[in-house]
Amino acid sequence: MRVRAISAELLVEELAHRVAAMPRDRWLRVAVDGAPAARPSELADALVAPLRALGRDVVRVSAGDFLRPASLRYEFGRNDPDAFYCDALDVGGLSREVLTPLEPGGAGLVLPSLWDPIRDRATRAPYVPVAPGGVLLLDGALLLGRGLPFELTVHLSLSAAALARSTPAADAWTLPAFARYEDEVKPGVVADVVVKVDDPRHPALVDRS
């Protein structure tokens, strides 16, 4: 295994070209997975313009807009790491409304958001069409190991020390959930692309070939 230092700009360029080079006869579902401290939403956002410049239609969705209602998320308290790990994400809704419609023969219509976790109510967002050969960019935490279908998965990896250092004190209770994720899912092994981001200014791409 080789770890290659790479600039943030070159990382975006390389990932965009990798996605754009994938078959154009079907939709592509790309996951950018990482703890909030790893900033997966920023990387997913940064990929939109380059992919469009390379001729791909792009739709952005965040897993944070597919959380379950508060009554279910907080059934065992607001700071329960096991509930955060197992019960926060509406896996069924995300699969049904976003990923399954982009399978071969699917309708090609995705729901960009399902639930507003702040107001704790449905967003009532309209469905969005994804052009043939288009790309869905989904960012979020704890996405892997759930049986969700993706054509490409990118994991932004933080060491335990870096994660603890960069996680706000108010969210420190989530750290055991991410430790469990590393132990049970091993995202750094199962993801197609792994990027070390202990220092977000100086990412490093893991080459496992």
C-alpha atoms as a PDB file:
ATOM      1  CA  MET A   1       0.000   0.000   0.000  1.00  0.00           C
ATOM      2  CA  ARG A   2       1.317   3.417  -0.991  1.00  0.00           C
ATOM      3  CA  VAL A   3       0.119   6.769   0.307  1.00  0.00           C
ATOM      4  CA  ARG A   4       0.547   9.657  -2.116  1.00  0.00           C
ATOM      5  CA  ALA A   5       0.363  13.261  -1.018  1.00  0.00           C
ATOM      6  CA  ILE A   6      -1.961  15.251  -3.255  1.00  0.00           C
ATOM      7  CA  SER A   7      -3.339  18.763  -3.315  1.00  0.00           C
ATOM      8  CA  ALA A   8      -7.035  19.275  -2.730  1.00  0.00           C
ATOM      9  CA  GLU A   9      -7.381  20.670  -6.252  1.00  0.00           C
ATOM     10  CA  LEU A  10      -5.643  17.705  -7.880  1.00  0.00           C
ATOM     11  CA  LEU A  11      -7.696  15.289  -5.773  1.00  0.00           C
ATOM     12  CA  VAL A  12     -10.899  16.796  -7.156  1.00  0.00           C
ATOM     13  CA  GLU A  13      -9.511  16.681 -10.681  1.00  0.00           C
ATOM     14  CA  GLU A  14      -8.449  13.039 -10.430  1.00  0.00           C
ATOM     15  CA  LEU A  15     -11.743  11.933  -8.893  1.00  0.00           C
ATOM     16  CA  ALA A  16     -13.759  13.848 -11.482  1.00  0.00           C
ATOM     17  CA  HIS A  17     -11.847  12.231 -14.341  1.00  0.00           C
ATOM     18  CA  ARG A  18     -12.235   8.799 -12.764  1.00  0.00           C
ATOM     19  CA  VAL A  19     -16.004   9.219 -12.516  1.00  0.00           C
ATOM     20  CA  ALA A  20     -16.283  10.767 -15.985  1.00  0.00           C
ATOM     21  CA  ALA A  21     -14.388   7.816 -17.476  1.00  0.00           C
ATOM     22  CA  MET A  22     -16.916   5.316 -16.146  1.00  0.00           C
ATOM     23  CA  PRO A  23     -19.573   3.924 -18.542  1.00  0.00           C
ATOM     24  CA  ARG A  24     -22.054   6.472 -19.845  1.00  0.00           C
ATOM     25  CA  ASP A  25     -24.801   3.979 -20.632  1.00  0.00           C
ATOM     26  CA  ARG A  26     -26.125   3.998 -17.068  1.00  0.00           C
ATOM     27  CA  TRP A  27     -26.492   6.266 -14.069  1.00  0.00           C
ATOM     28  CA  LEU A  28     -23.615   6.418 -11.610  1.00  0.00           C
ATOM     29  CA  ARG A  29     -24.162   6.585  -7.862  1.00  0.00           C
ATOM     30  CA  VAL A  30     -21.111   7.953  -6.050  1.00  0.00           C
ATOM     31  CA  ALA A  31     -20.803   8.079  -2.271  1.00  0.00           C
ATOM     32  CA  VAL A  32     -18.429  10.454  -0.484  1.00  0.00           C
ATOM     33  CA  ASP A  33     -18.283   8.984   3.002  1.00  0.00           C
ATOM     34  CA  GLY A  34     -16.700  10.503   6.074  1.00  0.00           C
ATOM     35  CA  ALA A  35     -17.267  11.908   9.520  1.00  0.00           C
ATOM     36  CA  PRO A  36     -18.435  15.543   9.511  1.00  0.00           C
ATOM     37  CA  ALA A  37     -14.938  16.572  10.592  1.00  0.00           C
ATOM     38  CA  ALA A  38     -13.607  15.091   7.330  1.00  0.00           C
ATOM     39  CA  ARG A  39     -15.851  17.481   5.340  1.00  0.00           C
ATOM     40  CA  PRO A  40     -17.342  15.010   2.844  1.00  0.00           C
ATOM     41  CA  SER A  41     -19.915  17.570   1.725  1.00  0.00           C
ATOM     42  CA  GLU A  42     -17.162  19.945   0.628  1.00  0.00           C
ATOM     43  CA  LEU A  43     -15.526  17.315  -1.567  1.00  0.00           C
ATOM     44  CA  ALA A  44     -18.853  16.289  -3.070  1.00  0.00           C
ATOM     45  CA  ASP A  45     -19.696  19.929  -3.789  1.00  0.00           C
ATOM     46  CA  ALA A  46     -16.296  20.484  -5.377  1.00  0.00           C
ATOM     47  CA  LEU A  47     -16.861  17.603  -7.815  1.00  0.00           C
ATOM     48  CA  VAL A  48     -20.042  19.062  -9.310  1.00  0.00           C
ATOM     49  CA  ALA A  49     -18.575  21.674 -11.649  1.00  0.00           C
ATOM     50  CA  PRO A  50     -15.698  19.530 -12.997  1.00  0.00           C
ATOM     51  CA  LEU A  51     -18.052  16.643 -13.736  1.00  0.00           C
ATOM     52  CA  ARG A  52     -20.459  18.931 -15.556  1.00  0.00           C
ATOM     53  CA  ALA A  53     -17.539  20.357 -17.523  1.00  0.00           C
ATOM     54  CA  LEU A  54     -16.681  16.782 -18.498  1.00  0.00           C
ATOM     55  CA  GLY A  55     -20.160  16.279 -19.883  1.00  0.00           C
ATOM     56  CA  ARG A  56     -21.962  14.603 -16.992  1.00  0.00           C
ATOM     57  CA  ASP A  57     -25.278  15.657 -15.534  1.00  0.00           C
ATOM     58  CA  VAL A  58     -24.903  15.848 -11.730  1.00  0.00           C
ATOM     59  CA  VAL A  59     -27.380  15.771  -8.875  1.00  0.00           C
ATOM     60  CA  ARG A  60     -26.197  16.453  -5.312  1.00  0.00           C
ATOM     61  CA  VAL A  61     -27.828  14.809  -2.316  1.00  0.00           C
ATOM     62  CA  SER A  62     -26.780  14.784   1.340  1.00  0.00           C
ATOM     63  CA  ALA A  63     -27.527  11.888   3.658  1.00  0.00           C
ATOM     64  CA  GLY A  64     -28.164  14.496   6.349  1.00  0.00           C
ATOM     65  CA  ASP A  65     -31.437  15.245   4.576  1.00  0.00           C
ATOM     66  CA  PHE A  66     -32.513  11.617   5.014  1.00  0.00           C
ATOM     67  CA  LEU A  67     -32.442  11.294   8.781  1.00  0.00           C
ATOM     68  CA  ARG A  68     -35.268   9.597  10.612  1.00  0.00           C
ATOM     69  CA  PRO A  69     -37.748  11.634  12.694  1.00  0.00           C
ATOM     70  CA  ALA A  70     -36.516  12.813  16.080  1.00  0.00           C
ATOM     71  CA  SER A  71     -38.875  10.457  17.913  1.00  0.00           C
ATOM     72  CA  LEU A  72     -36.975   7.547  16.363  1.00  0.00           C
ATOM     73  CA  ARG A  73     -33.472   9.019  16.318  1.00  0.00           C
ATOM     74  CA  TYR A  74     -33.621  10.004  19.979  1.00  0.00           C
ATOM     75  CA  GLU A  75     -35.624   7.087  21.326  1.00  0.00           C
ATOM     76  CA  PHE A  76     -32.693   6.205  23.597  1.00  0.00           C
ATOM     77  CA  GLY A  77     -31.570   9.781  24.244  1.00  0.00           C
ATOM     78  CA  ARG A  78     -29.982  12.533  22.215  1.00  0.00           C
ATOM     79  CA  ASN A  79     -26.400  11.483  22.905  1.00  0.00           C
ATOM     80  CA  ASP A  80     -26.512   7.718  22.423  1.00  0.00           C
ATOM     81  CA  PRO A  81     -23.679   6.664  20.070  1.00  0.00           C
ATOM     82  CA  ASP A  82     -25.287   3.310  19.269  1.00  0.00           C
ATOM     83  CA  ALA A  83     -28.541   4.986  18.227  1.00  0.00           C
ATOM     84  CA  PHE A  84     -26.526   7.438  16.135  1.00  0.00           C
ATOM     85  CA  TYR A  85     -24.753   4.526  14.488  1.00  0.00           C
ATOM     86  CA  CYS A  86     -27.794   2.325  13.864  1.00  0.00           C
ATOM     87  CA  ASP A  87     -30.914   4.476  13.872  1.00  0.00           C
ATOM     88  CA  ALA A  88     -30.150   8.015  12.685  1.00  0.00           C
ATOM     89  CA  LEU A  89     -30.103   7.451   8.939  1.00  0.00           C
ATOM     90  CA  ASP A  90     -33.298   6.521   7.109  1.00  0.00           C
ATOM     91  CA  VAL A  91     -31.599   3.819   5.057  1.00  0.00           C
ATOM     92  CA  GLY A  92     -34.848   2.643   3.527  1.00  0.00           C
ATOM     93  CA  GLY A  93     -35.903   6.121   2.486  1.00  0.00           C
ATOM     94  CA  LEU A  94     -32.498   6.901   1.014  1.00  0.00           C
ATOM     95  CA  SER A  95     -32.490   3.684  -0.966  1.00  0.00           C
ATOM     96  CA  ARG A  96     -36.099   3.986  -2.107  1.00  0.00           C
ATOM     97  CA  GLU A  97     -36.074   7.668  -3.053  1.00  0.00           C
ATOM     98  CA  VAL A  98     -32.520   8.195  -4.291  1.00  0.00           C
ATOM     99  CA  LEU A  99     -30.577   5.054  -5.148  1.00  0.00           C
ATOM    100  CA  THR A 100     -33.099   2.520  -6.457  1.00  0.00           C
ATOM    101  CA  PRO A 101     -34.534   4.932  -9.081  1.00  0.00           C
ATOM    102  CA  LEU A 102     -31.058   5.045 -10.644  1.00  0.00           C
ATOM    103  CA  GLU A 103     -30.732   1.317 -11.120  1.00  0.00           C
ATOM    104  CA  PRO A 104     -30.935   0.016 -14.710  1.00  0.00           C
ATOM    105  CA  GLY A 105     -34.544   0.354 -15.812  1.00  0.00           C
ATOM    106  CA  GLY A 106     -35.291   2.807 -13.004  1.00  0.00           C
ATOM    107  CA  ALA A 107     -37.349   5.961 -13.340  1.00  0.00           C
ATOM    108  CA  GLY A 108     -34.354   8.305 -13.104  1.00  0.00           C
ATOM    109  CA  LEU A 109     -36.159  10.607 -10.671  1.00  0.00           C
ATOM    110  CA  VAL A 110     -34.614  11.216  -7.272  1.00  0.00           C
ATOM    111  CA  LEU A 111     -35.820  13.035  -4.191  1.00  0.00           C
ATOM    112  CA  PRO A 112     -33.089  15.506  -3.149  1.00  0.00           C
ATOM    113  CA  SER A 113     -34.287  15.655   0.466  1.00  0.00           C
ATOM    114  CA  LEU A 114     -36.816  13.806   2.575  1.00  0.00           C
ATOM    115  CA  TRP A 115     -36.684  15.083   6.147  1.00  0.00           C
ATOM    116  CA  ASP A 116     -35.725  18.414   7.709  1.00  0.00           C
ATOM    117  CA  PRO A 117     -33.955  17.411  10.952  1.00  0.00           C
ATOM    118  CA  ILE A 118     -34.135  20.945  12.360  1.00  0.00           C
ATOM    119  CA  ARG A 119     -37.871  21.435  11.927  1.00  0.00           C
ATOM    120  CA  ASP A 120     -38.446  17.686  12.255  1.00  0.00           C
ATOM    121  CA  ARG A 121     -40.839  17.431   9.374  1.00  0.00           C
ATOM    122  CA  ALA A 122     -40.925  16.312   5.751  1.00  0.00           C
ATOM    123  CA  THR A 123     -39.264  18.710   3.330  1.00  0.00           C
ATOM    124  CA  ARG A 124     -41.845  18.077   0.587  1.00  0.00           C
ATOM    125  CA  ALA A 125     -39.100  18.587  -1.984  1.00  0.00           C
ATOM    126  CA  PRO A 126     -39.999  17.879  -5.623  1.00  0.00           C
ATOM    127  CA  TYR A 127     -38.380  15.007  -7.487  1.00  0.00           C
ATOM    128  CA  VAL A 128     -35.412  15.829  -9.707  1.00  0.00           C
ATOM    129  CA  PRO A 129     -34.653  14.063 -13.004  1.00  0.00           C
ATOM    130  CA  VAL A 130     -31.180  12.672 -13.609  1.00  0.00           C
ATOM    131  CA  ALA A 131     -30.208  12.616 -17.275  1.00  0.00           C
ATOM    132  CA  PRO A 132     -29.126   9.272 -18.772  1.00  0.00           C
ATOM    133  CA  GLY A 133     -25.509   8.691 -17.845  1.00  0.00           C
ATOM    134  CA  GLY A 134     -25.797  11.282 -15.074  1.00  0.00           C
ATOM    135  CA  VAL A 135     -24.090  11.147 -11.713  1.00  0.00           C
ATOM    136  CA  LEU A 136     -25.575  11.181  -8.234  1.00  0.00           C
ATOM    137  CA  LEU A 137     -23.131  12.594  -5.671  1.00  0.00           C
ATOM    138  CA  LEU A 138     -24.139  11.592  -2.152  1.00  0.00           C
ATOM    139  CA  ASP A 139     -22.210  12.762   0.892  1.00  0.00           C
ATOM    140  CA  GLY A 140     -22.647  11.570   4.439  1.00  0.00           C
ATOM    141  CA  ALA A 141     -21.284   9.722   7.446  1.00  0.00           C
ATOM    142  CA  LEU A 142     -21.411   5.990   8.159  1.00  0.00           C
ATOM    143  CA  LEU A 143     -22.687   5.211   4.657  1.00  0.00           C
ATOM    144  CA  LEU A 144     -20.771   2.029   3.949  1.00  0.00           C
ATOM    145  CA  GLY A 145     -21.635  -1.453   5.145  1.00  0.00           C
ATOM    146  CA  ARG A 146     -25.390  -0.820   4.909  1.00  0.00           C
ATOM    147  CA  GLY A 147     -26.033  -2.575   1.624  1.00  0.00           C
ATOM    148  CA  LEU A 148     -26.606   0.691  -0.223  1.00  0.00           C
ATOM    149  CA  PRO A 149     -25.814   0.363  -3.947  1.00  0.00           C
ATOM    150  CA  PHE A 150     -23.060   2.573  -5.336  1.00  0.00           C
ATOM    151  CA  GLU A 151     -20.905   2.419  -8.447  1.00  0.00           C
ATOM    152  CA  LEU A 152     -18.065   4.224  -6.653  1.00  0.00           C
ATOM    153  CA  THR A 153     -17.345   4.875  -2.987  1.00  0.00           C
ATOM    154  CA  VAL A 154     -14.879   7.422  -1.635  1.00  0.00           C
ATOM    155  CA  HIS A 155     -13.971   7.344   2.055  1.00  0.00           C
ATOM    156  CA  LEU A 156     -12.340  10.303   3.778  1.00  0.00           C
ATOM    157  CA  SER A 157     -10.262   8.761   6.521  1.00  0.00           C
ATOM    158  CA  LEU A 158      -9.307  10.379   9.821  1.00  0.00           C
ATOM    159  CA  SER A 159      -7.145   8.771  12.464  1.00  0.00           C
ATOM    160  CA  ALA A 160      -8.821   8.410  15.839  1.00  0.00           C
ATOM    161  CA  ALA A 161      -6.657  11.202  17.224  1.00  0.00           C
ATOM    162  CA  ALA A 162      -7.398  13.560  14.324  1.00  0.00           C
ATOM    163  CA  LEU A 163     -11.112  12.804  14.527  1.00  0.00           C
ATOM    164  CA  ALA A 164     -11.195  13.532  18.257  1.00  0.00           C
ATOM    165  CA  ARG A 165      -9.183  16.702  17.786  1.00  0.00           C
ATOM    166  CA  SER A 166     -11.380  18.081  14.999  1.00  0.00           C
ATOM    167  CA  THR A 167     -14.785  17.067  16.382  1.00  0.00           C
ATOM    168  CA  PRO A 168     -16.539  19.833  18.355  1.00  0.00           C
ATOM    169  CA  ALA A 169     -16.841  19.118  22.070  1.00  0.00           C
ATOM    170  CA  ALA A 170     -20.623  19.095  21.787  1.00  0.00           C
ATOM    171  CA  ASP A 171     -20.383  16.190  19.339  1.00  0.00           C
ATOM    172  CA  ALA A 172     -17.722  14.171  21.155  1.00  0.00           C
ATOM    173  CA  TRP A 173     -20.387  11.632  22.142  1.00  0.00           C
ATOM    174  CA  THR A 174     -20.431  10.464  18.483  1.00  0.00           C
ATOM    175  CA  LEU A 175     -16.802   9.304  18.603  1.00  0.00           C
ATOM    176  CA  PRO A 176     -17.627   5.756  19.823  1.00  0.00           C
ATOM    177  CA  ALA A 177     -19.926   5.361  16.810  1.00  0.00           C
ATOM    178  CA  PHE A 178     -17.087   6.159  14.427  1.00  0.00           C
ATOM    179  CA  ALA A 179     -14.766   3.809  16.333  1.00  0.00           C
ATOM    180  CA  ARG A 180     -17.388   1.095  15.932  1.00  0.00           C
ATOM    181  CA  TYR A 181     -17.633   1.900  12.216  1.00  0.00           C
ATOM    182  CA  GLU A 182     -13.894   1.467  11.816  1.00  0.00           C
ATOM    183  CA  ASP A 183     -13.989  -1.830  13.701  1.00  0.00           C
ATOM    184  CA  GLU A 184     -17.082  -3.378  12.105  1.00  0.00           C
ATOM    185  CA  VAL A 185     -17.176  -1.959   8.580  1.00  0.00           C
ATOM    186  CA  LYS A 186     -13.523  -1.088   7.966  1.00  0.00           C
ATOM    187  CA  PRO A 187     -14.315   1.703   5.496  1.00  0.00           C
ATOM    188  CA  GLY A 188     -10.636   2.157   4.695  1.00  0.00           C
ATOM    189  CA  VAL A 189     -10.660  -1.357   3.260  1.00  0.00           C
ATOM    190  CA  VAL A 190     -14.067  -1.609   1.581  1.00  0.00           C
ATOM    191  CA  ALA A 191     -14.181   1.814  -0.102  1.00  0.00           C
ATOM    192  CA  ASP A 192     -13.058   2.063  -3.718  1.00  0.00           C
ATOM    193  CA  VAL A 193     -11.063   5.228  -3.014  1.00  0.00           C
ATOM    194  CA  VAL A 194      -9.546   6.164   0.336  1.00  0.00           C
ATOM    195  CA  VAL A 195      -8.211   9.620   1.106  1.00  0.00           C
ATOM    196  CA  LYS A 196      -6.420  10.402   4.361  1.00  0.00           C
ATOM    197  CA  VAL A 197      -7.445  13.836   5.606  1.00  0.00           C
ATOM    198  CA  ASP A 198      -5.854  14.179   9.034  1.00  0.00           C
ATOM    199  CA  ASP A 199      -4.726  17.553   7.732  1.00  0.00           C
ATOM    200  CA  PRO A 200      -7.482  18.687   5.341  1.00  0.00           C
ATOM    201  CA  ARG A 201      -5.067  21.139   3.733  1.00  0.00           C
ATOM    202  CA  HIS A 202      -2.787  18.248   2.738  1.00  0.00           C
ATOM    203  CA  PRO A 203      -4.821  15.155   1.776  1.00  0.00           C
ATOM    204  CA  ALA A 204      -3.147  11.887   0.828  1.00  0.00           C
ATOM    205  CA  LEU A 205      -4.516   9.330  -1.592  1.00  0.00           C
ATOM    206  CA  VAL A 206      -4.146   5.669  -0.617  1.00  0.00           C
ATOM    207  CA  ASP A 207      -3.017   3.428  -3.482  1.00  0.00           C
ATOM    208  CA  ARG A 208      -3.777  -0.182  -2.647  1.00  0.00           C
ATOM    209  CA  SER A 209      -2.766  -1.653  -6.014  1.00  0.00           C
END
